[in-house]
Amino acid sequence: MLGLNTDDLEFHENRSHIPQKSVKPGNENTKPDTVGRHRYTSLWLLTIYIPLLIIPWVLICVAVYRPINLPSYQNQAGWYSPAQIDANYNWQRAIRVANSVLSLITVPVTSAILAQSAVIYSQRRKDSTQLSFIQLLALVNRGWADVVTMCSARHKTPEKRIGSSFLWFAASLTLLSECNSP
């Protein structure tokens, strides 16, 4: 039978169509292939990015009512020392620098998260709403950041239409993140 051993084949009824690798008796130390691996890059990006985004915002909210390092803008004694005033300016400068750095990394972080979301969006579709090949290429090439792609996404004819709802959502989110710089 051409070297096929029927003991190595596994037949499953009512199971997923994805083949799973079985561990042979002599190879207990090898790990079986995992089906449906998750990528945690987006989670790590958000875990780092969101606190970096929230901390300057909280400091600005505190600075509206009082200096970061002092109890009030009004001193009952009548004056603040130059060191206290310099420390307040240093806090304000640090907040401006943090906001500038965050505005520089907002678009790349947003685009990276959208790229991973596009993979999920393209795979989890109903049969009646499948993406065409050209729509899939627009998502793969990160068309939401390309002006030419977005201009050609407006076509009304189905054979020329490369726009999808995710592409328009991603383009609007990218535009919003570009406009939200200090």
N, C-alpha and C. Protein backbone atom coordinates (compact mmCIF):
# COMPACT_ATOMS: atom_id res chain seq x y z
N MET A 1 0.81 -1.20 0.00
CA MET A 1 0.00 0.00 0.00
C MET A 1 0.85 1.26 0.00
N LEU A 2 1.94 1.25 -0.70
CA LEU A 2 2.83 2.39 -0.90
C LEU A 2 3.38 2.95 0.39
N GLY A 3 3.63 2.13 1.39
CA GLY A 3 4.25 2.58 2.62
C GLY A 3 3.34 3.33 3.55
N LEU A 4 2.03 3.32 3.34
CA LEU A 4 1.12 4.00 4.25
C LEU A 4 0.73 3.06 5.36
N ASN A 5 0.85 3.53 6.56
CA ASN A 5 0.43 2.74 7.71
C ASN A 5 -0.91 3.28 8.16
N THR A 6 -1.92 2.42 8.19
CA THR A 6 -3.27 2.90 8.55
C THR A 6 -3.37 3.24 10.02
N ASP A 7 -2.42 2.82 10.84
CA ASP A 7 -2.47 3.17 12.26
C ASP A 7 -2.11 4.63 12.49
N ASP A 8 -1.35 5.25 11.56
CA ASP A 8 -0.96 6.64 11.70
C ASP A 8 -2.06 7.60 11.29
N LEU A 9 -3.04 7.13 10.55
CA LEU A 9 -4.12 8.00 10.09
C LEU A 9 -5.20 8.09 11.15
N GLU A 10 -5.73 9.26 11.34
CA GLU A 10 -6.81 9.45 12.29
C GLU A 10 -8.04 9.93 11.54
N PHE A 11 -9.15 9.27 11.81
CA PHE A 11 -10.40 9.66 11.20
C PHE A 11 -11.33 10.13 12.30
N HIS A 12 -11.87 11.33 12.14
CA HIS A 12 -12.77 11.89 13.14
C HIS A 12 -14.09 12.20 12.46
N GLU A 13 -15.15 11.79 13.10
CA GLU A 13 -16.46 12.13 12.59
C GLU A 13 -16.96 13.35 13.33
N ASN A 14 -17.63 14.23 12.59
CA ASN A 14 -18.20 15.46 13.15
C ASN A 14 -17.14 16.30 13.85
N ARG A 15 -15.96 16.34 13.33
CA ARG A 15 -14.90 17.17 13.89
C ARG A 15 -14.53 18.24 12.89
N SER A 16 -13.66 19.11 13.31
CA SER A 16 -13.20 20.18 12.44
C SER A 16 -12.45 19.60 11.24
N HIS A 17 -12.47 20.33 10.15
CA HIS A 17 -11.78 19.89 8.94
C HIS A 17 -10.28 20.15 9.00
N ILE A 18 -9.79 20.72 10.08
CA ILE A 18 -8.38 21.04 10.22
C ILE A 18 -7.66 19.80 10.75
N PRO A 19 -6.67 19.29 10.03
CA PRO A 19 -5.97 18.10 10.51
C PRO A 19 -5.12 18.43 11.72
N GLN A 20 -5.10 17.52 12.65
CA GLN A 20 -4.29 17.69 13.84
C GLN A 20 -3.20 16.64 13.84
N LYS A 21 -2.03 17.04 14.25
CA LYS A 21 -0.90 16.14 14.25
C LYS A 21 -0.94 15.30 15.52
N SER A 22 -0.81 14.02 15.37
CA SER A 22 -0.81 13.14 16.53
C SER A 22 0.62 12.87 16.94
N VAL A 23 0.79 12.58 18.21
CA VAL A 23 2.12 12.28 18.74
C VAL A 23 2.31 10.78 18.65
N LYS A 24 3.37 10.36 18.01
CA LYS A 24 3.66 8.94 17.85
C LYS A 24 4.23 8.39 19.16
N PRO A 25 4.09 7.11 19.39
CA PRO A 25 4.52 6.53 20.67
C PRO A 25 5.99 6.75 21.00
N GLY A 26 6.86 6.84 20.03
CA GLY A 26 8.28 7.04 20.32
C GLY A 26 8.66 8.50 20.54
N ASN A 27 7.76 9.46 20.30
CA ASN A 27 8.07 10.89 20.36
C ASN A 27 7.21 11.60 21.39
N GLU A 28 7.26 11.18 22.64
CA GLU A 28 6.43 11.82 23.66
C GLU A 28 6.92 13.23 23.99
N ASN A 29 8.19 13.54 23.74
CA ASN A 29 8.75 14.84 24.09
C ASN A 29 8.41 15.92 23.07
N THR A 30 7.96 15.55 21.89
CA THR A 30 7.63 16.56 20.88
C THR A 30 6.24 17.11 21.15
N LYS A 31 6.08 18.37 20.89
CA LYS A 31 4.80 19.03 21.11
C LYS A 31 3.93 18.88 19.88
N PRO A 32 2.63 18.63 20.05
CA PRO A 32 1.75 18.58 18.88
C PRO A 32 1.51 19.98 18.35
N ASP A 33 1.18 20.06 17.07
CA ASP A 33 0.88 21.36 16.46
C ASP A 33 -0.36 21.95 17.12
N THR A 34 -0.31 23.21 17.39
CA THR A 34 -1.48 23.86 17.96
C THR A 34 -2.29 24.48 16.84
N VAL A 35 -3.57 24.29 16.90
CA VAL A 35 -4.47 24.81 15.89
C VAL A 35 -5.08 26.10 16.42
N GLY A 36 -5.06 27.14 15.62
CA GLY A 36 -5.68 28.40 16.03
C GLY A 36 -4.83 29.19 17.01
N ARG A 37 -3.58 29.34 16.74
CA ARG A 37 -2.72 30.14 17.62
C ARG A 37 -3.19 31.58 17.63
N HIS A 38 -3.05 32.21 18.77
CA HIS A 38 -3.43 33.61 18.91
C HIS A 38 -2.18 34.46 18.89
N ARG A 39 -2.30 35.59 18.28
CA ARG A 39 -1.20 36.55 18.29
C ARG A 39 -1.53 37.62 19.31
N TYR A 40 -0.59 37.86 20.19
CA TYR A 40 -0.82 38.79 21.28
C TYR A 40 -0.12 40.13 21.06
N THR A 41 0.31 40.40 19.84
CA THR A 41 1.00 41.65 19.56
C THR A 41 0.09 42.85 19.81
N SER A 42 -1.16 42.76 19.39
CA SER A 42 -2.09 43.87 19.61
C SER A 42 -2.33 44.10 21.09
N LEU A 43 -2.42 43.01 21.83
CA LEU A 43 -2.63 43.14 23.27
C LEU A 43 -1.44 43.81 23.94
N TRP A 44 -0.24 43.44 23.52
CA TRP A 44 0.95 44.07 24.09
C TRP A 44 1.05 45.54 23.69
N LEU A 45 0.73 45.85 22.44
CA LEU A 45 0.74 47.25 22.01
C LEU A 45 -0.23 48.08 22.82
N LEU A 46 -1.43 47.58 23.02
CA LEU A 46 -2.43 48.31 23.79
C LEU A 46 -2.06 48.39 25.26
N THR A 47 -1.45 47.35 25.79
CA THR A 47 -1.04 47.36 27.20
C THR A 47 0.02 48.42 27.46
N ILE A 48 0.88 48.64 26.51
CA ILE A 48 1.91 49.67 26.67
C ILE A 48 1.38 51.05 26.29
N TYR A 49 0.61 51.11 25.20
CA TYR A 49 0.20 52.40 24.64
C TYR A 49 -0.87 53.11 25.49
N ILE A 50 -1.85 52.38 25.97
CA ILE A 50 -2.95 53.02 26.71
C ILE A 50 -2.47 53.69 28.01
N PRO A 51 -1.64 53.03 28.85
CA PRO A 51 -1.14 53.78 30.01
C PRO A 51 -0.31 55.01 29.64
N LEU A 52 0.49 54.88 28.56
CA LEU A 52 1.25 56.04 28.12
C LEU A 52 0.34 57.17 27.65
N LEU A 53 -0.82 56.83 27.17
CA LEU A 53 -1.79 57.82 26.71
C LEU A 53 -2.56 58.43 27.87
N ILE A 54 -2.87 57.62 28.87
CA ILE A 54 -3.70 58.08 29.99
C ILE A 54 -2.92 58.92 30.99
N ILE A 55 -1.66 58.59 31.24
CA ILE A 55 -0.89 59.30 32.26
C ILE A 55 -0.75 60.79 31.95
N PRO A 56 -0.36 61.23 30.75
CA PRO A 56 -0.32 62.68 30.50
C PRO A 56 -1.70 63.33 30.58
N TRP A 57 -2.73 62.60 30.16
CA TRP A 57 -4.08 63.15 30.24
C TRP A 57 -4.49 63.39 31.69
N VAL A 58 -4.17 62.45 32.59
CA VAL A 58 -4.48 62.61 34.02
C VAL A 58 -3.67 63.77 34.59
N LEU A 59 -2.42 63.88 34.20
CA LEU A 59 -1.60 65.00 34.70
C LEU A 59 -2.13 66.35 34.22
N ILE A 60 -2.63 66.41 32.99
CA ILE A 60 -3.23 67.65 32.50
C ILE A 60 -4.50 67.97 33.30
N CYS A 61 -5.29 66.94 33.60
CA CYS A 61 -6.51 67.16 34.40
C CYS A 61 -6.17 67.67 35.79
N VAL A 62 -5.11 67.18 36.39
CA VAL A 62 -4.68 67.67 37.71
C VAL A 62 -4.16 69.09 37.59
N ALA A 63 -3.39 69.38 36.52
CA ALA A 63 -2.79 70.70 36.36
C ALA A 63 -3.83 71.78 36.09
N VAL A 64 -5.02 71.40 35.67
CA VAL A 64 -6.08 72.39 35.47
C VAL A 64 -6.47 73.02 36.80
N TYR A 65 -6.48 72.20 37.85
CA TYR A 65 -6.94 72.68 39.15
C TYR A 65 -5.83 73.09 40.09
N ARG A 66 -4.67 72.47 39.95
CA ARG A 66 -3.55 72.82 40.82
C ARG A 66 -2.25 72.39 40.14
N PRO A 67 -1.11 72.94 40.55
CA PRO A 67 0.16 72.46 40.01
C PRO A 67 0.39 71.01 40.44
N ILE A 68 1.16 70.28 39.67
CA ILE A 68 1.41 68.87 39.96
C ILE A 68 2.13 68.71 41.29
N ASN A 69 3.06 69.57 41.59
CA ASN A 69 3.90 69.42 42.77
C ASN A 69 3.48 70.31 43.94
N LEU A 70 2.41 71.06 43.80
CA LEU A 70 1.98 71.98 44.86
C LEU A 70 0.50 71.77 45.17
N PRO A 71 0.06 72.16 46.38
CA PRO A 71 -1.34 71.95 46.73
C PRO A 71 -2.32 72.90 46.05
N SER A 72 -1.84 74.08 45.62
CA SER A 72 -2.75 75.05 45.03
C SER A 72 -1.96 76.05 44.20
N TYR A 73 -2.67 76.73 43.27
CA TYR A 73 -2.03 77.81 42.52
C TYR A 73 -1.89 79.06 43.37
N GLN A 74 -2.68 79.17 44.41
CA GLN A 74 -2.62 80.33 45.30
C GLN A 74 -1.93 79.94 46.59
N ASN A 75 -0.89 80.69 46.92
CA ASN A 75 -0.16 80.44 48.15
C ASN A 75 -0.57 81.50 49.16
N GLN A 76 -1.02 81.06 50.31
CA GLN A 76 -1.47 82.01 51.33
C GLN A 76 -0.31 82.82 51.91
N ALA A 77 0.90 82.29 51.83
CA ALA A 77 2.07 83.02 52.30
C ALA A 77 2.47 84.12 51.32
N GLY A 78 2.00 84.03 50.09
CA GLY A 78 2.24 85.08 49.14
C GLY A 78 3.25 84.78 48.07
N TRP A 79 4.00 83.74 48.19
CA TRP A 79 4.98 83.46 47.16
C TRP A 79 5.36 81.98 47.16
N TYR A 80 5.84 81.54 45.99
CA TYR A 80 6.43 80.21 45.85
C TYR A 80 7.91 80.39 45.56
N SER A 81 8.70 79.43 45.97
CA SER A 81 10.14 79.52 45.72
C SER A 81 10.42 79.28 44.24
N PRO A 82 11.53 79.79 43.74
CA PRO A 82 11.88 79.55 42.34
C PRO A 82 12.04 78.07 42.02
N ALA A 83 12.47 77.28 42.98
CA ALA A 83 12.61 75.84 42.74
C ALA A 83 11.24 75.19 42.53
N GLN A 84 10.23 75.64 43.28
CA GLN A 84 8.88 75.10 43.12
C GLN A 84 8.28 75.50 41.77
N ILE A 85 8.54 76.74 41.37
CA ILE A 85 8.04 77.20 40.06
C ILE A 85 8.75 76.46 38.93
N ASP A 86 10.08 76.27 39.06
CA ASP A 86 10.82 75.51 38.05
C ASP A 86 10.34 74.06 37.97
N ALA A 87 10.04 73.47 39.11
CA ALA A 87 9.54 72.09 39.12
C ALA A 87 8.18 72.02 38.40
N ASN A 88 7.34 73.03 38.58
CA ASN A 88 6.05 73.07 37.89
C ASN A 88 6.25 73.20 36.38
N TYR A 89 7.17 74.05 35.95
CA TYR A 89 7.47 74.18 34.51
C TYR A 89 8.04 72.88 33.94
N ASN A 90 8.88 72.19 34.74
CA ASN A 90 9.43 70.91 34.29
C ASN A 90 8.32 69.87 34.08
N TRP A 91 7.34 69.86 34.98
CA TRP A 91 6.20 68.96 34.81
C TRP A 91 5.43 69.30 33.54
N GLN A 92 5.20 70.57 33.30
CA GLN A 92 4.48 70.98 32.09
C GLN A 92 5.27 70.60 30.83
N ARG A 93 6.57 70.77 30.86
CA ARG A 93 7.41 70.41 29.73
C ARG A 93 7.38 68.89 29.51
N ALA A 94 7.43 68.12 30.57
CA ALA A 94 7.39 66.66 30.46
C ALA A 94 6.05 66.20 29.86
N ILE A 95 4.97 66.85 30.23
CA ILE A 95 3.66 66.51 29.68
C ILE A 95 3.61 66.83 28.18
N ARG A 96 4.17 67.98 27.78
CA ARG A 96 4.21 68.32 26.36
C ARG A 96 5.07 67.34 25.55
N VAL A 97 6.19 66.94 26.11
CA VAL A 97 7.06 65.97 25.42
C VAL A 97 6.36 64.62 25.30
N ALA A 98 5.70 64.18 26.37
CA ALA A 98 4.98 62.90 26.32
C ALA A 98 3.87 62.95 25.28
N ASN A 99 3.14 64.05 25.21
CA ASN A 99 2.08 64.18 24.19
C ASN A 99 2.66 64.20 22.78
N SER A 100 3.82 64.82 22.60
CA SER A 100 4.44 64.83 21.27
C SER A 100 4.90 63.44 20.86
N VAL A 101 5.50 62.71 21.78
CA VAL A 101 5.95 61.35 21.48
C VAL A 101 4.74 60.47 21.17
N LEU A 102 3.68 60.61 21.95
CA LEU A 102 2.48 59.82 21.71
C LEU A 102 1.82 60.17 20.38
N SER A 103 1.87 61.42 20.00
CA SER A 103 1.29 61.78 18.70
C SER A 103 2.12 61.21 17.54
N LEU A 104 3.42 61.00 17.76
CA LEU A 104 4.26 60.38 16.73
C LEU A 104 3.99 58.89 16.57
N ILE A 105 3.68 58.21 17.67
CA ILE A 105 3.49 56.76 17.58
C ILE A 105 2.02 56.36 17.45
N THR A 106 1.10 57.31 17.46
CA THR A 106 -0.32 56.96 17.37
C THR A 106 -0.67 56.29 16.05
N VAL A 107 -0.24 56.85 14.95
CA VAL A 107 -0.59 56.29 13.64
C VAL A 107 0.05 54.90 13.43
N PRO A 108 1.34 54.69 13.74
CA PRO A 108 1.88 53.34 13.57
C PRO A 108 1.22 52.30 14.48
N VAL A 109 0.91 52.68 15.72
CA VAL A 109 0.25 51.73 16.62
C VAL A 109 -1.15 51.41 16.11
N THR A 110 -1.88 52.43 15.68
CA THR A 110 -3.22 52.22 15.14
C THR A 110 -3.17 51.35 13.89
N SER A 111 -2.23 51.59 13.02
CA SER A 111 -2.11 50.82 11.80
C SER A 111 -1.72 49.37 12.09
N ALA A 112 -0.86 49.13 13.06
CA ALA A 112 -0.48 47.77 13.41
C ALA A 112 -1.66 46.99 13.98
N ILE A 113 -2.45 47.63 14.81
CA ILE A 113 -3.63 46.96 15.38
C ILE A 113 -4.66 46.71 14.30
N LEU A 114 -4.84 47.67 13.40
CA LEU A 114 -5.78 47.48 12.30
C LEU A 114 -5.33 46.37 11.35
N ALA A 115 -4.03 46.23 11.13
CA ALA A 115 -3.53 45.17 10.24
C ALA A 115 -3.85 43.80 10.82
N GLN A 116 -3.70 43.64 12.12
CA GLN A 116 -4.04 42.36 12.72
C GLN A 116 -5.55 42.14 12.78
N SER A 117 -6.29 43.21 12.92
CA SER A 117 -7.75 43.09 12.91
C SER A 117 -8.26 42.77 11.51
N ALA A 118 -7.57 43.24 10.49
CA ALA A 118 -7.99 42.95 9.12
C ALA A 118 -7.89 41.46 8.80
N VAL A 119 -6.92 40.79 9.40
CA VAL A 119 -6.80 39.36 9.19
C VAL A 119 -8.03 38.65 9.75
N ILE A 120 -8.42 39.01 10.94
CA ILE A 120 -9.59 38.41 11.57
C ILE A 120 -10.85 38.76 10.78
N TYR A 121 -10.94 40.00 10.35
CA TYR A 121 -12.12 40.43 9.58
C TYR A 121 -12.24 39.66 8.27
N SER A 122 -11.13 39.41 7.62
CA SER A 122 -11.20 38.73 6.33
C SER A 122 -11.47 37.23 6.49
N GLN A 123 -11.14 36.64 7.62
CA GLN A 123 -11.34 35.22 7.81
C GLN A 123 -12.73 34.88 8.34
N ARG A 124 -13.29 35.72 9.14
CA ARG A 124 -14.57 35.43 9.76
C ARG A 124 -15.70 36.13 9.03
N ARG A 125 -16.04 35.59 7.90
CA ARG A 125 -17.07 36.17 7.05
C ARG A 125 -18.12 35.11 6.74
N LYS A 126 -19.33 35.56 6.55
CA LYS A 126 -20.38 34.66 6.09
C LYS A 126 -20.18 34.39 4.61
N ASP A 127 -20.76 33.31 4.13
CA ASP A 127 -20.60 32.97 2.71
C ASP A 127 -21.21 34.01 1.80
N SER A 128 -22.28 34.65 2.25
CA SER A 128 -22.95 35.63 1.40
C SER A 128 -22.21 36.97 1.34
N THR A 129 -21.31 37.22 2.25
CA THR A 129 -20.61 38.51 2.28
C THR A 129 -19.10 38.32 2.19
N GLN A 130 -18.66 37.46 1.31
CA GLN A 130 -17.24 37.23 1.14
C GLN A 130 -16.57 38.45 0.50
N LEU A 131 -15.32 38.65 0.87
CA LEU A 131 -14.54 39.72 0.26
C LEU A 131 -14.03 39.25 -1.09
N SER A 132 -14.00 40.16 -2.04
CA SER A 132 -13.40 39.82 -3.33
C SER A 132 -11.88 39.84 -3.18
N PHE A 133 -11.21 39.31 -4.18
CA PHE A 133 -9.75 39.26 -4.14
C PHE A 133 -9.15 40.65 -4.08
N ILE A 134 -9.71 41.57 -4.83
CA ILE A 134 -9.18 42.93 -4.86
C ILE A 134 -9.44 43.66 -3.53
N GLN A 135 -10.56 43.37 -2.87
CA GLN A 135 -10.82 43.94 -1.55
C GLN A 135 -9.85 43.38 -0.53
N LEU A 136 -9.56 42.10 -0.65
CA LEU A 136 -8.60 41.48 0.26
C LEU A 136 -7.20 42.07 0.06
N LEU A 137 -6.82 42.31 -1.18
CA LEU A 137 -5.52 42.94 -1.45
C LEU A 137 -5.45 44.35 -0.88
N ALA A 138 -6.56 45.07 -0.93
CA ALA A 138 -6.58 46.42 -0.35
C ALA A 138 -6.36 46.37 1.15
N LEU A 139 -6.89 45.36 1.81
CA LEU A 139 -6.66 45.22 3.24
C LEU A 139 -5.25 44.75 3.55
N VAL A 140 -4.74 43.83 2.74
CA VAL A 140 -3.38 43.32 2.96
C VAL A 140 -2.35 44.42 2.79
N ASN A 141 -2.56 45.27 1.82
CA ASN A 141 -1.61 46.36 1.54
C ASN A 141 -1.82 47.59 2.41
N ARG A 142 -2.64 47.45 3.45
CA ARG A 142 -2.96 48.57 4.36
C ARG A 142 -3.45 49.77 3.56
N GLY A 143 -4.47 49.52 2.78
CA GLY A 143 -5.03 50.56 1.91
C GLY A 143 -5.63 51.72 2.65
N TRP A 144 -5.92 51.56 3.95
CA TRP A 144 -6.49 52.65 4.72
C TRP A 144 -5.51 53.80 4.91
N ALA A 145 -4.23 53.57 4.67
CA ALA A 145 -3.23 54.63 4.80
C ALA A 145 -2.78 55.17 3.45
N ASP A 146 -3.39 54.69 2.37
CA ASP A 146 -3.00 55.08 1.03
C ASP A 146 -4.11 55.93 0.40
N VAL A 147 -3.79 57.13 0.01
CA VAL A 147 -4.78 58.05 -0.56
C VAL A 147 -5.30 57.54 -1.89
N VAL A 148 -4.43 56.97 -2.73
CA VAL A 148 -4.85 56.47 -4.04
C VAL A 148 -5.83 55.30 -3.87
N THR A 149 -5.54 54.42 -2.96
CA THR A 149 -6.44 53.29 -2.71
C THR A 149 -7.78 53.77 -2.20
N MET A 150 -7.79 54.74 -1.32
CA MET A 150 -9.06 55.23 -0.78
C MET A 150 -9.85 55.99 -1.84
N CYS A 151 -9.18 56.66 -2.77
CA CYS A 151 -9.90 57.33 -3.86
C CYS A 151 -10.52 56.32 -4.80
N SER A 152 -9.81 55.23 -5.06
CA SER A 152 -10.38 54.22 -5.95
C SER A 152 -11.37 53.30 -5.23
N ALA A 153 -11.47 53.39 -3.94
CA ALA A 153 -12.42 52.57 -3.18
C ALA A 153 -13.85 53.09 -3.31
N ARG A 154 -14.03 54.23 -3.92
CA ARG A 154 -15.37 54.82 -4.04
C ARG A 154 -16.15 54.33 -5.24
N HIS A 155 -15.59 53.50 -6.09
CA HIS A 155 -16.28 53.03 -7.29
C HIS A 155 -17.58 52.33 -6.92
N LYS A 156 -18.60 52.56 -7.72
CA LYS A 156 -19.91 51.97 -7.47
C LYS A 156 -20.07 50.61 -8.14
N THR A 157 -19.33 50.36 -9.22
CA THR A 157 -19.49 49.09 -9.90
C THR A 157 -18.82 47.98 -9.09
N PRO A 158 -19.46 46.82 -8.93
CA PRO A 158 -18.92 45.77 -8.07
C PRO A 158 -17.57 45.22 -8.51
N GLU A 159 -17.30 45.16 -9.81
CA GLU A 159 -16.02 44.59 -10.24
C GLU A 159 -14.84 45.54 -10.00
N LYS A 160 -15.10 46.83 -9.87
CA LYS A 160 -14.02 47.79 -9.61
C LYS A 160 -13.99 48.23 -8.16
N ARG A 161 -14.94 47.79 -7.38
CA ARG A 161 -15.05 48.26 -6.00
C ARG A 161 -14.05 47.53 -5.10
N ILE A 162 -13.13 48.27 -4.52
CA ILE A 162 -12.15 47.68 -3.62
C ILE A 162 -12.42 48.06 -2.18
N GLY A 163 -13.40 48.90 -1.97
CA GLY A 163 -13.71 49.34 -0.62
C GLY A 163 -14.57 48.33 0.12
N SER A 164 -14.27 48.12 1.38
CA SER A 164 -15.10 47.30 2.26
C SER A 164 -15.40 48.13 3.50
N SER A 165 -16.32 47.64 4.31
CA SER A 165 -16.67 48.41 5.51
C SER A 165 -15.48 48.52 6.45
N PHE A 166 -14.67 47.48 6.52
CA PHE A 166 -13.48 47.55 7.38
C PHE A 166 -12.47 48.56 6.84
N LEU A 167 -12.32 48.63 5.54
CA LEU A 167 -11.38 49.58 4.94
C LEU A 167 -11.79 51.02 5.26
N TRP A 168 -13.08 51.30 5.16
CA TRP A 168 -13.56 52.65 5.48
C TRP A 168 -13.44 52.94 6.98
N PHE A 169 -13.72 51.96 7.82
CA PHE A 169 -13.56 52.14 9.26
C PHE A 169 -12.09 52.41 9.59
N ALA A 170 -11.19 51.62 9.02
CA ALA A 170 -9.76 51.78 9.29
C ALA A 170 -9.25 53.13 8.79
N ALA A 171 -9.74 53.57 7.63
CA ALA A 171 -9.31 54.87 7.10
C ALA A 171 -9.79 56.00 8.00
N SER A 172 -11.03 55.91 8.48
CA SER A 172 -11.53 56.97 9.36
C SER A 172 -10.81 56.96 10.70
N LEU A 173 -10.47 55.78 11.22
CA LEU A 173 -9.73 55.71 12.48
C LEU A 173 -8.31 56.25 12.31
N THR A 174 -7.68 55.97 11.19
CA THR A 174 -6.35 56.49 10.92
C THR A 174 -6.38 58.00 10.74
N LEU A 175 -7.37 58.50 10.05
CA LEU A 175 -7.52 59.95 9.89
C LEU A 175 -7.76 60.63 11.23
N LEU A 176 -8.57 60.02 12.06
CA LEU A 176 -8.82 60.57 13.40
C LEU A 176 -7.55 60.59 14.24
N SER A 177 -6.74 59.53 14.14
CA SER A 177 -5.51 59.51 14.90
C SER A 177 -4.48 60.51 14.35
N GLU A 178 -4.53 60.79 13.05
CA GLU A 178 -3.64 61.81 12.48
C GLU A 178 -4.03 63.21 12.92
N CYS A 179 -5.33 63.46 13.01
CA CYS A 179 -5.82 64.79 13.38
C CYS A 179 -5.71 65.06 14.87
N ASN A 180 -5.50 64.04 15.66
CA ASN A 180 -5.51 64.17 17.11
C ASN A 180 -4.11 64.44 17.67
N SER A 181 -3.31 65.15 16.96
CA SER A 181 -1.96 65.47 17.46
C SER A 181 -1.99 66.84 18.14
N PRO A 182 -1.08 67.04 19.10
CA PRO A 182 -1.09 68.32 19.83
C PRO A 182 -0.59 69.51 19.03
